[in-house]
Amino acid sequence: MKMDSHGVSDLVASRICHDVISPLGAIGNGLELLTLANPDLPEAELALIGESVAAAQARLQFFRFAFGSAADTPVAGREVVRVLDAMAASGFARCRWEVAEDPPRGLVRCAFLALLCVETALGRGAALRVSVRDGRWSVVGEGPVRHRDPEVWAALAGGDPGALTAAQVQFMLLPPALAALGRRAEVTESGGAPAISF
């Protein structure tokens, strides 16, 4: 079987997320059992561990959509909202998901990659919004904006971003993910904050 490097990396990301999330769930369940069996355990420390487990689970679920294999199967909107709400609880910008239908996983992947791109340009207290109108998706930042590196953002239009860091890999992954769906990114601004439509 012949597979391109993007396909292999997608499968690797899916596998890592899948294999790591199960032990995290077990840790969360064990923590709950400890709390029930030992009500005298320190609450603040247990709460901190519980919050850390929940944050790690949220990030893994988000990353599985963004970096994992994108099959043609639809994704339930309520599942997407649950993942985005969990991410917001762990410190990621709050996101309004204004998509009425259950979209295919490939489009959800592109939306999540675009969210990661837009979020890099937003300051504390900012929010995100994903909407679809006449089949065109928009990922919009709302609120305070911080510095946006033009070279990195040029990668979305096929430009040379130079040396990207691991925190910027989404800028390299979004264009081929969109191309696989016959789409391309268009970057605009909305109230000074970046917006990506496709």
N, C-alpha and C. Protein backbone atom coordinates (compact mmCIF):
# COMPACT_ATOMS: atom_id res chain seq x y z
N MET A 1 0.84 -1.17 0.00
CA MET A 1 0.00 0.00 0.00
C MET A 1 0.89 1.25 0.00
N LYS A 2 0.61 2.17 -0.91
CA LYS A 2 1.39 3.40 -0.99
C LYS A 2 0.63 4.51 -0.26
N MET A 3 1.33 5.26 0.57
CA MET A 3 0.69 6.33 1.33
C MET A 3 1.64 7.51 1.40
N ASP A 4 1.10 8.72 1.22
CA ASP A 4 1.97 9.90 1.28
C ASP A 4 2.35 10.21 2.73
N SER A 5 3.32 11.10 2.88
CA SER A 5 3.83 11.40 4.23
C SER A 5 2.76 12.04 5.11
N HIS A 6 1.84 12.83 4.51
CA HIS A 6 0.76 13.43 5.31
C HIS A 6 -0.15 12.34 5.86
N GLY A 7 -0.46 11.34 5.03
CA GLY A 7 -1.32 10.25 5.49
C GLY A 7 -0.71 9.48 6.63
N VAL A 8 0.59 9.23 6.54
CA VAL A 8 1.28 8.50 7.61
C VAL A 8 1.29 9.33 8.89
N SER A 9 1.61 10.61 8.79
CA SER A 9 1.66 11.44 10.00
C SER A 9 0.27 11.58 10.61
N ASP A 10 -0.79 11.61 9.78
CA ASP A 10 -2.16 11.67 10.31
C ASP A 10 -2.47 10.43 11.14
N LEU A 11 -2.09 9.27 10.61
CA LEU A 11 -2.34 8.02 11.32
C LEU A 11 -1.53 7.93 12.62
N VAL A 12 -0.29 8.41 12.57
CA VAL A 12 0.54 8.41 13.78
C VAL A 12 -0.09 9.30 14.85
N ALA A 13 -0.55 10.49 14.44
CA ALA A 13 -1.17 11.40 15.41
C ALA A 13 -2.43 10.77 16.00
N SER A 14 -3.24 10.14 15.15
CA SER A 14 -4.46 9.48 15.64
C SER A 14 -4.11 8.39 16.65
N ARG A 15 -3.10 7.61 16.32
CA ARG A 15 -2.71 6.50 17.20
C ARG A 15 -2.21 7.01 18.55
N ILE A 16 -1.36 8.02 18.52
CA ILE A 16 -0.83 8.57 19.78
C ILE A 16 -1.97 9.11 20.65
N CYS A 17 -2.86 9.91 20.04
CA CYS A 17 -3.97 10.48 20.81
C CYS A 17 -4.85 9.37 21.39
N HIS A 18 -5.15 8.37 20.57
CA HIS A 18 -6.01 7.26 21.03
C HIS A 18 -5.36 6.50 22.17
N ASP A 19 -4.07 6.19 22.03
CA ASP A 19 -3.39 5.38 23.04
C ASP A 19 -3.13 6.13 24.34
N VAL A 20 -2.99 7.44 24.28
CA VAL A 20 -2.70 8.21 25.49
C VAL A 20 -3.97 8.59 26.25
N ILE A 21 -5.08 8.76 25.51
CA ILE A 21 -6.30 9.22 26.19
C ILE A 21 -6.89 8.15 27.11
N SER A 22 -6.71 6.88 26.78
CA SER A 22 -7.26 5.81 27.65
C SER A 22 -6.62 5.80 29.04
N PRO A 23 -5.29 5.85 29.15
CA PRO A 23 -4.70 5.92 30.49
C PRO A 23 -5.10 7.18 31.26
N LEU A 24 -5.29 8.30 30.54
CA LEU A 24 -5.74 9.51 31.23
C LEU A 24 -7.13 9.32 31.82
N GLY A 25 -7.99 8.64 31.06
CA GLY A 25 -9.32 8.33 31.58
C GLY A 25 -9.24 7.46 32.82
N ALA A 26 -8.32 6.49 32.80
CA ALA A 26 -8.14 5.61 33.95
C ALA A 26 -7.65 6.40 35.17
N ILE A 27 -6.76 7.36 34.94
CA ILE A 27 -6.28 8.20 36.05
C ILE A 27 -7.45 8.99 36.64
N GLY A 28 -8.28 9.56 35.76
CA GLY A 28 -9.45 10.31 36.23
C GLY A 28 -10.40 9.43 37.03
N ASN A 29 -10.64 8.21 36.54
CA ASN A 29 -11.51 7.28 37.27
C ASN A 29 -10.90 6.87 38.61
N GLY A 30 -9.59 6.62 38.61
CA GLY A 30 -8.90 6.27 39.86
C GLY A 30 -8.97 7.39 40.87
N LEU A 31 -8.83 8.61 40.39
CA LEU A 31 -8.92 9.78 41.27
C LEU A 31 -10.30 9.87 41.91
N GLU A 32 -11.32 9.61 41.11
CA GLU A 32 -12.69 9.64 41.63
C GLU A 32 -12.90 8.56 42.70
N LEU A 33 -12.37 7.37 42.44
CA LEU A 33 -12.48 6.28 43.42
C LEU A 33 -11.73 6.61 44.71
N LEU A 34 -10.54 7.21 44.57
CA LEU A 34 -9.77 7.63 45.75
C LEU A 34 -10.57 8.62 46.59
N THR A 35 -11.21 9.56 45.93
CA THR A 35 -11.98 10.58 46.63
C THR A 35 -13.15 9.95 47.38
N LEU A 36 -13.82 8.99 46.73
CA LEU A 36 -14.96 8.33 47.38
C LEU A 36 -14.52 7.47 48.56
N ALA A 37 -13.39 6.78 48.41
CA ALA A 37 -12.91 5.88 49.46
C ALA A 37 -12.22 6.61 50.61
N ASN A 38 -11.67 7.78 50.32
CA ASN A 38 -10.91 8.53 51.35
C ASN A 38 -11.37 9.98 51.37
N PRO A 39 -12.51 10.26 51.99
CA PRO A 39 -13.02 11.64 51.99
C PRO A 39 -12.12 12.63 52.72
N ASP A 40 -11.13 12.15 53.48
CA ASP A 40 -10.24 13.04 54.22
C ASP A 40 -9.04 13.51 53.40
N LEU A 41 -8.91 13.05 52.16
CA LEU A 41 -7.78 13.48 51.32
C LEU A 41 -7.91 14.97 51.03
N PRO A 42 -6.77 15.67 50.87
CA PRO A 42 -6.81 17.13 50.64
C PRO A 42 -7.52 17.48 49.33
N GLU A 43 -8.58 18.28 49.45
CA GLU A 43 -9.42 18.60 48.30
C GLU A 43 -8.70 19.44 47.25
N ALA A 44 -7.92 20.42 47.67
CA ALA A 44 -7.26 21.31 46.71
C ALA A 44 -6.31 20.54 45.80
N GLU A 45 -5.54 19.64 46.38
CA GLU A 45 -4.58 18.87 45.59
C GLU A 45 -5.30 17.92 44.63
N LEU A 46 -6.36 17.27 45.11
CA LEU A 46 -7.13 16.37 44.26
C LEU A 46 -7.80 17.13 43.12
N ALA A 47 -8.31 18.32 43.44
CA ALA A 47 -8.95 19.14 42.41
C ALA A 47 -7.93 19.54 41.34
N LEU A 48 -6.72 19.88 41.76
CA LEU A 48 -5.67 20.25 40.81
C LEU A 48 -5.32 19.09 39.89
N ILE A 49 -5.21 17.89 40.46
CA ILE A 49 -4.92 16.71 39.64
C ILE A 49 -6.08 16.46 38.68
N GLY A 50 -7.31 16.56 39.17
CA GLY A 50 -8.49 16.35 38.32
C GLY A 50 -8.56 17.34 37.18
N GLU A 51 -8.27 18.61 37.47
CA GLU A 51 -8.27 19.64 36.43
C GLU A 51 -7.19 19.38 35.39
N SER A 52 -6.03 18.93 35.85
CA SER A 52 -4.93 18.63 34.92
C SER A 52 -5.27 17.46 34.01
N VAL A 53 -5.90 16.44 34.56
CA VAL A 53 -6.32 15.29 33.75
C VAL A 53 -7.36 15.73 32.72
N ALA A 54 -8.33 16.53 33.14
CA ALA A 54 -9.38 17.01 32.23
C ALA A 54 -8.78 17.87 31.12
N ALA A 55 -7.81 18.73 31.46
CA ALA A 55 -7.16 19.57 30.45
C ALA A 55 -6.39 18.73 29.44
N ALA A 56 -5.68 17.72 29.92
CA ALA A 56 -4.93 16.84 29.02
C ALA A 56 -5.86 16.07 28.11
N GLN A 57 -6.98 15.57 28.65
CA GLN A 57 -7.95 14.85 27.82
C GLN A 57 -8.54 15.77 26.75
N ALA A 58 -8.87 17.01 27.13
CA ALA A 58 -9.44 17.96 26.17
C ALA A 58 -8.46 18.23 25.03
N ARG A 59 -7.20 18.45 25.38
CA ARG A 59 -6.21 18.73 24.34
C ARG A 59 -6.01 17.53 23.41
N LEU A 60 -5.98 16.33 23.97
CA LEU A 60 -5.83 15.14 23.13
C LEU A 60 -7.01 14.96 22.18
N GLN A 61 -8.22 15.20 22.67
CA GLN A 61 -9.40 15.09 21.81
C GLN A 61 -9.36 16.15 20.71
N PHE A 62 -8.97 17.37 21.06
CA PHE A 62 -8.85 18.44 20.07
C PHE A 62 -7.77 18.09 19.05
N PHE A 63 -6.61 17.65 19.52
CA PHE A 63 -5.50 17.32 18.62
C PHE A 63 -5.84 16.14 17.72
N ARG A 64 -6.65 15.23 18.22
CA ARG A 64 -7.04 14.09 17.37
C ARG A 64 -7.84 14.58 16.17
N PHE A 65 -8.73 15.55 16.39
CA PHE A 65 -9.46 16.14 15.26
C PHE A 65 -8.54 16.94 14.36
N ALA A 66 -7.66 17.76 14.94
CA ALA A 66 -6.82 18.66 14.16
C ALA A 66 -5.70 17.95 13.42
N PHE A 67 -5.05 16.99 14.07
CA PHE A 67 -3.86 16.39 13.48
C PHE A 67 -4.03 14.93 13.07
N GLY A 68 -5.14 14.33 13.47
CA GLY A 68 -5.35 12.91 13.18
C GLY A 68 -5.92 12.66 11.80
N SER A 69 -6.18 11.41 11.54
CA SER A 69 -6.73 10.98 10.25
C SER A 69 -8.12 11.57 10.06
N ALA A 70 -8.39 12.09 8.86
CA ALA A 70 -9.67 12.74 8.57
C ALA A 70 -10.49 11.89 7.62
N ALA A 71 -11.23 10.94 8.15
CA ALA A 71 -12.10 10.10 7.33
C ALA A 71 -13.28 10.92 6.84
N ASP A 72 -14.06 10.35 5.93
CA ASP A 72 -15.22 11.06 5.37
C ASP A 72 -16.44 11.01 6.28
N THR A 73 -16.33 10.36 7.42
CA THR A 73 -17.49 10.20 8.30
C THR A 73 -17.89 11.53 8.93
N PRO A 74 -19.19 11.73 9.14
CA PRO A 74 -19.63 12.97 9.79
C PRO A 74 -19.31 12.96 11.28
N VAL A 75 -19.15 14.15 11.82
CA VAL A 75 -18.89 14.33 13.25
C VAL A 75 -20.10 15.04 13.85
N ALA A 76 -20.63 14.50 14.92
CA ALA A 76 -21.78 15.12 15.58
C ALA A 76 -21.39 16.50 16.11
N GLY A 77 -22.23 17.49 15.82
CA GLY A 77 -21.96 18.85 16.28
C GLY A 77 -21.82 18.93 17.79
N ARG A 78 -22.61 18.14 18.52
CA ARG A 78 -22.54 18.17 19.99
C ARG A 78 -21.18 17.67 20.48
N GLU A 79 -20.57 16.73 19.74
CA GLU A 79 -19.24 16.24 20.12
C GLU A 79 -18.20 17.34 19.92
N VAL A 80 -18.32 18.07 18.81
CA VAL A 80 -17.39 19.17 18.54
C VAL A 80 -17.52 20.23 19.64
N VAL A 81 -18.75 20.59 19.97
CA VAL A 81 -18.99 21.61 21.01
C VAL A 81 -18.43 21.14 22.35
N ARG A 82 -18.61 19.86 22.68
CA ARG A 82 -18.08 19.32 23.93
C ARG A 82 -16.56 19.46 23.99
N VAL A 83 -15.88 19.14 22.88
CA VAL A 83 -14.42 19.25 22.83
C VAL A 83 -13.99 20.71 22.95
N LEU A 84 -14.66 21.61 22.24
CA LEU A 84 -14.30 23.03 22.30
C LEU A 84 -14.56 23.62 23.69
N ASP A 85 -15.65 23.22 24.33
CA ASP A 85 -15.92 23.69 25.69
C ASP A 85 -14.87 23.18 26.68
N ALA A 86 -14.46 21.93 26.51
CA ALA A 86 -13.41 21.38 27.38
C ALA A 86 -12.09 22.10 27.16
N MET A 87 -11.80 22.46 25.91
CA MET A 87 -10.57 23.22 25.62
C MET A 87 -10.63 24.59 26.29
N ALA A 88 -11.78 25.25 26.22
CA ALA A 88 -11.93 26.57 26.84
C ALA A 88 -11.73 26.47 28.35
N ALA A 89 -12.22 25.40 28.95
CA ALA A 89 -12.05 25.20 30.40
C ALA A 89 -10.59 25.00 30.76
N SER A 90 -9.77 24.57 29.77
CA SER A 90 -8.35 24.33 30.06
C SER A 90 -7.47 25.50 29.62
N GLY A 91 -8.07 26.63 29.24
CA GLY A 91 -7.28 27.82 28.94
C GLY A 91 -7.26 28.27 27.49
N PHE A 92 -7.78 27.47 26.57
CA PHE A 92 -7.87 27.86 25.16
C PHE A 92 -8.99 28.89 25.03
N ALA A 93 -8.92 29.75 24.01
CA ALA A 93 -9.96 30.76 23.83
C ALA A 93 -11.33 30.10 23.67
N ARG A 94 -12.36 30.72 24.25
CA ARG A 94 -13.72 30.20 24.11
C ARG A 94 -14.14 30.29 22.65
N CYS A 95 -14.86 29.27 22.17
CA CYS A 95 -15.24 29.22 20.77
C CYS A 95 -16.74 28.96 20.62
N ARG A 96 -17.38 29.78 19.79
CA ARG A 96 -18.78 29.55 19.43
C ARG A 96 -18.81 28.74 18.14
N TRP A 97 -19.42 27.58 18.16
CA TRP A 97 -19.54 26.68 17.00
C TRP A 97 -20.92 26.92 16.40
N GLU A 98 -20.97 27.67 15.31
CA GLU A 98 -22.24 28.02 14.67
C GLU A 98 -22.41 27.23 13.37
N VAL A 99 -22.32 25.92 13.50
CA VAL A 99 -22.46 25.02 12.36
C VAL A 99 -23.67 24.15 12.64
N ALA A 100 -24.71 24.29 11.81
CA ALA A 100 -25.99 23.64 12.09
C ALA A 100 -25.96 22.13 11.87
N GLU A 101 -25.23 21.66 10.89
CA GLU A 101 -25.26 20.24 10.55
C GLU A 101 -24.09 19.49 11.17
N ASP A 102 -24.08 18.19 10.97
CA ASP A 102 -22.95 17.36 11.40
C ASP A 102 -21.98 17.25 10.23
N PRO A 103 -20.90 18.04 10.24
CA PRO A 103 -20.01 18.11 9.08
C PRO A 103 -19.09 16.90 8.97
N PRO A 104 -18.53 16.67 7.76
CA PRO A 104 -17.55 15.60 7.61
C PRO A 104 -16.28 15.91 8.41
N ARG A 105 -15.63 14.86 8.85
CA ARG A 105 -14.44 14.99 9.69
C ARG A 105 -13.35 15.84 9.03
N GLY A 106 -13.22 15.75 7.71
CA GLY A 106 -12.20 16.53 7.01
C GLY A 106 -12.40 18.03 7.18
N LEU A 107 -13.66 18.49 7.14
CA LEU A 107 -13.94 19.91 7.33
C LEU A 107 -13.75 20.31 8.80
N VAL A 108 -14.09 19.41 9.72
CA VAL A 108 -13.85 19.69 11.14
C VAL A 108 -12.35 19.83 11.37
N ARG A 109 -11.58 18.96 10.74
CA ARG A 109 -10.12 19.04 10.88
C ARG A 109 -9.61 20.40 10.40
N CYS A 110 -10.08 20.84 9.24
CA CYS A 110 -9.64 22.15 8.72
C CYS A 110 -10.06 23.28 9.65
N ALA A 111 -11.28 23.19 10.20
CA ALA A 111 -11.73 24.22 11.13
C ALA A 111 -10.86 24.25 12.38
N PHE A 112 -10.50 23.08 12.91
CA PHE A 112 -9.66 23.03 14.11
C PHE A 112 -8.25 23.55 13.82
N LEU A 113 -7.70 23.22 12.66
CA LEU A 113 -6.38 23.77 12.30
C LEU A 113 -6.46 25.28 12.16
N ALA A 114 -7.54 25.78 11.55
CA ALA A 114 -7.72 27.23 11.41
C ALA A 114 -7.89 27.89 12.78
N LEU A 115 -8.60 27.22 13.70
CA LEU A 115 -8.73 27.75 15.07
C LEU A 115 -7.37 27.91 15.71
N LEU A 116 -6.51 26.90 15.54
CA LEU A 116 -5.16 26.98 16.11
C LEU A 116 -4.37 28.14 15.50
N CYS A 117 -4.55 28.37 14.19
CA CYS A 117 -3.86 29.49 13.53
C CYS A 117 -4.34 30.82 14.09
N VAL A 118 -5.65 31.03 14.10
CA VAL A 118 -6.22 32.30 14.55
C VAL A 118 -5.91 32.56 16.02
N GLU A 119 -5.96 31.51 16.83
CA GLU A 119 -5.73 31.66 18.27
C GLU A 119 -4.33 32.20 18.57
N THR A 120 -3.35 31.92 17.69
CA THR A 120 -1.99 32.41 17.94
C THR A 120 -1.91 33.93 17.91
N ALA A 121 -2.87 34.58 17.25
CA ALA A 121 -2.83 36.04 17.12
C ALA A 121 -3.71 36.75 18.14
N LEU A 122 -4.36 36.00 19.01
CA LEU A 122 -5.30 36.61 19.94
C LEU A 122 -4.70 36.77 21.33
N GLY A 123 -5.11 37.83 22.00
CA GLY A 123 -4.66 38.08 23.37
C GLY A 123 -5.60 37.46 24.39
N ARG A 124 -5.27 37.64 25.65
CA ARG A 124 -6.08 37.10 26.75
C ARG A 124 -7.49 37.68 26.69
N GLY A 125 -8.47 36.82 26.90
CA GLY A 125 -9.86 37.26 26.90
C GLY A 125 -10.52 37.26 25.54
N ALA A 126 -9.78 36.92 24.50
CA ALA A 126 -10.36 36.88 23.16
C ALA A 126 -11.21 35.63 23.00
N ALA A 127 -11.99 35.61 21.94
CA ALA A 127 -12.86 34.47 21.66
C ALA A 127 -12.74 34.11 20.18
N LEU A 128 -13.29 32.96 19.84
CA LEU A 128 -13.28 32.47 18.46
C LEU A 128 -14.70 32.12 18.05
N ARG A 129 -14.92 32.14 16.74
CA ARG A 129 -16.23 31.76 16.21
C ARG A 129 -16.04 31.00 14.92
N VAL A 130 -16.76 29.88 14.78
CA VAL A 130 -16.75 29.09 13.54
C VAL A 130 -18.17 29.09 13.00
N SER A 131 -18.31 29.49 11.74
CA SER A 131 -19.64 29.50 11.12
C SER A 131 -19.54 29.03 9.68
N VAL A 132 -20.68 28.63 9.13
CA VAL A 132 -20.76 28.20 7.73
C VAL A 132 -21.91 28.94 7.08
N ARG A 133 -21.63 29.54 5.92
CA ARG A 133 -22.68 30.24 5.17
C ARG A 133 -22.53 29.88 3.71
N ASP A 134 -23.57 29.33 3.13
CA ASP A 134 -23.56 28.90 1.73
C ASP A 134 -22.38 27.98 1.43
N GLY A 135 -22.07 27.09 2.36
CA GLY A 135 -21.00 26.12 2.16
C GLY A 135 -19.60 26.65 2.44
N ARG A 136 -19.47 27.94 2.73
CA ARG A 136 -18.16 28.54 3.01
C ARG A 136 -17.97 28.67 4.51
N TRP A 137 -16.86 28.13 4.99
CA TRP A 137 -16.55 28.14 6.42
C TRP A 137 -15.77 29.40 6.77
N SER A 138 -16.03 29.95 7.96
CA SER A 138 -15.28 31.10 8.48
C SER A 138 -14.86 30.81 9.91
N VAL A 139 -13.60 31.07 10.19
CA VAL A 139 -13.05 30.96 11.54
C VAL A 139 -12.54 32.35 11.89
N VAL A 140 -13.18 32.98 12.87
CA VAL A 140 -12.95 34.40 13.15
C VAL A 140 -12.50 34.59 14.59
N GLY A 141 -11.49 35.43 14.77
CA GLY A 141 -11.06 35.83 16.11
C GLY A 141 -11.83 37.07 16.53
N GLU A 142 -12.15 37.17 17.81
CA GLU A 142 -12.89 38.31 18.34
C GLU A 142 -12.24 38.77 19.63
N GLY A 143 -11.90 40.05 19.72
CA GLY A 143 -11.32 40.56 20.95
C GLY A 143 -9.89 41.01 20.78
N PRO A 144 -9.16 41.09 21.91
CA PRO A 144 -7.79 41.61 21.88
C PRO A 144 -6.88 40.82 20.94
N VAL A 145 -6.02 41.57 20.24
CA VAL A 145 -5.10 40.96 19.28
C VAL A 145 -3.67 41.21 19.75
N ARG A 146 -2.80 40.22 19.55
CA ARG A 146 -1.38 40.41 19.81
C ARG A 146 -0.64 40.31 18.48
N HIS A 147 0.65 40.34 18.51
CA HIS A 147 1.46 40.33 17.29
C HIS A 147 1.16 39.13 16.40
N ARG A 148 1.12 39.39 15.10
CA ARG A 148 0.90 38.33 14.11
C ARG A 148 2.09 38.34 13.15
N ASP A 149 2.83 37.25 13.08
CA ASP A 149 4.02 37.14 12.23
C ASP A 149 3.60 36.97 10.77
N PRO A 150 3.84 37.98 9.91
CA PRO A 150 3.38 37.91 8.53
C PRO A 150 3.99 36.75 7.74
N GLU A 151 5.23 36.38 8.05
CA GLU A 151 5.86 35.27 7.32
C GLU A 151 5.16 33.95 7.62
N VAL A 152 4.80 33.74 8.88
CA VAL A 152 4.11 32.51 9.26
C VAL A 152 2.74 32.47 8.60
N TRP A 153 2.02 33.58 8.63
CA TRP A 153 0.69 33.63 8.02
C TRP A 153 0.75 33.50 6.51
N ALA A 154 1.88 33.86 5.89
CA ALA A 154 2.03 33.72 4.44
C ALA A 154 1.97 32.26 4.01
N ALA A 155 2.27 31.34 4.92
CA ALA A 155 2.22 29.91 4.61
C ALA A 155 0.82 29.48 4.19
N LEU A 156 -0.20 30.16 4.70
CA LEU A 156 -1.58 29.80 4.35
C LEU A 156 -1.90 30.09 2.89
N ALA A 157 -1.14 31.02 2.29
CA ALA A 157 -1.34 31.35 0.88
C ALA A 157 -0.29 30.69 0.00
N GLY A 158 0.46 29.75 0.57
CA GLY A 158 1.47 29.05 -0.22
C GLY A 158 2.84 29.68 -0.16
N GLY A 159 3.01 30.73 0.66
CA GLY A 159 4.31 31.37 0.80
C GLY A 159 5.27 30.55 1.63
N ASP A 160 6.52 30.96 1.65
CA ASP A 160 7.54 30.27 2.44
C ASP A 160 7.54 30.85 3.85
N PRO A 161 7.14 30.04 4.83
CA PRO A 161 7.07 30.56 6.20
C PRO A 161 8.41 30.60 6.91
N GLY A 162 9.46 30.12 6.27
CA GLY A 162 10.73 30.01 6.95
C GLY A 162 10.69 28.83 7.91
N ALA A 163 11.45 28.91 8.97
CA ALA A 163 11.51 27.81 9.94
C ALA A 163 10.36 27.95 10.93
N LEU A 164 9.42 27.02 10.88
CA LEU A 164 8.31 27.03 11.82
C LEU A 164 8.67 26.28 13.09
N THR A 165 8.07 26.69 14.19
CA THR A 165 8.23 25.97 15.45
C THR A 165 7.12 24.92 15.55
N ALA A 166 7.22 24.04 16.52
CA ALA A 166 6.18 23.03 16.73
C ALA A 166 4.84 23.71 17.04
N ALA A 167 4.86 24.86 17.69
CA ALA A 167 3.63 25.58 18.03
C ALA A 167 2.98 26.22 16.81
N GLN A 168 3.69 26.23 15.67
CA GLN A 168 3.16 26.85 14.45
C GLN A 168 2.87 25.83 13.35
N VAL A 169 2.97 24.55 13.63
CA VAL A 169 2.84 23.52 12.61
C VAL A 169 1.49 23.58 11.89
N GLN A 170 0.45 24.08 12.55
CA GLN A 170 -0.87 24.17 11.93
C GLN A 170 -0.86 25.02 10.66
N PHE A 171 0.04 26.01 10.60
CA PHE A 171 0.14 26.85 9.41
C PHE A 171 0.63 26.06 8.20
N MET A 172 1.42 25.04 8.45
CA MET A 172 1.92 24.20 7.37
C MET A 172 0.90 23.11 7.01
N LEU A 173 0.11 22.66 7.97
CA LEU A 173 -0.82 21.56 7.74
C LEU A 173 -2.15 21.99 7.13
N LEU A 174 -2.59 23.22 7.39
CA LEU A 174 -3.90 23.64 6.90
C LEU A 174 -3.99 23.68 5.37
N PRO A 175 -3.03 24.28 4.64
CA PRO A 175 -3.18 24.33 3.17
C PRO A 175 -3.34 22.96 2.50
N PRO A 176 -2.52 21.93 2.82
CA PRO A 176 -2.75 20.64 2.16
C PRO A 176 -4.06 19.96 2.61
N ALA A 177 -4.47 20.19 3.86
CA ALA A 177 -5.74 19.63 4.32
C ALA A 177 -6.90 20.23 3.53
N LEU A 178 -6.82 21.53 3.27
CA LEU A 178 -7.85 22.19 2.47
C LEU A 178 -7.78 21.75 1.01
N ALA A 179 -6.57 21.65 0.47
CA ALA A 179 -6.40 21.23 -0.93
C ALA A 179 -7.00 19.85 -1.17
N ALA A 180 -6.89 18.97 -0.19
CA ALA A 180 -7.46 17.62 -0.31
C ALA A 180 -8.98 17.67 -0.45
N LEU A 181 -9.59 18.78 -0.01
CA LEU A 181 -11.04 18.95 -0.11
C LEU A 181 -11.42 19.90 -1.25
N GLY A 182 -10.41 20.30 -2.05
CA GLY A 182 -10.67 21.22 -3.16
C GLY A 182 -10.92 22.65 -2.70
N ARG A 183 -10.33 23.02 -1.58
CA ARG A 183 -10.52 24.36 -1.01
C ARG A 183 -9.17 25.01 -0.75
N ARG A 184 -9.20 26.31 -0.49
CA ARG A 184 -7.98 27.01 -0.08
C ARG A 184 -8.35 28.09 0.94
N ALA A 185 -7.36 28.49 1.72
CA ALA A 185 -7.59 29.47 2.78
C ALA A 185 -7.55 30.88 2.23
N GLU A 186 -8.45 31.70 2.74
CA GLU A 186 -8.41 33.14 2.48
C GLU A 186 -8.34 33.84 3.83
N VAL A 187 -7.30 34.65 4.01
CA VAL A 187 -7.09 35.33 5.29
C VAL A 187 -7.54 36.78 5.16
N THR A 188 -8.40 37.20 6.08
CA THR A 188 -8.85 38.59 6.13
C THR A 188 -8.76 39.05 7.59
N GLU A 189 -9.26 40.26 7.85
CA GLU A 189 -9.30 40.75 9.23
C GLU A 189 -10.73 41.12 9.57
N SER A 190 -11.08 40.91 10.81
CA SER A 190 -12.39 41.29 11.32
C SER A 190 -12.18 42.05 12.62
N GLY A 191 -12.33 43.37 12.57
CA GLY A 191 -12.09 44.19 13.76
C GLY A 191 -10.66 44.13 14.24
N GLY A 192 -9.71 43.96 13.32
CA GLY A 192 -8.30 43.87 13.67
C GLY A 192 -7.83 42.47 13.95
N ALA A 193 -8.76 41.55 14.20
CA ALA A 193 -8.41 40.16 14.48
C ALA A 193 -8.43 39.35 13.18
N PRO A 194 -7.58 38.35 13.06
CA PRO A 194 -7.54 37.57 11.83
C PRO A 194 -8.77 36.68 11.67
N ALA A 195 -9.11 36.42 10.42
CA ALA A 195 -10.19 35.51 10.07
C ALA A 195 -9.72 34.65 8.91
N ILE A 196 -10.04 33.37 8.95
CA ILE A 196 -9.69 32.45 7.87
C ILE A 196 -10.99 31.87 7.34
N SER A 197 -11.18 31.98 6.02
CA SER A 197 -12.35 31.35 5.41
C SER A 197 -11.88 30.36 4.36
N PHE A 198 -12.70 29.35 4.10
CA PHE A 198 -12.36 28.34 3.10
C PHE A 198 -13.63 27.68 2.56
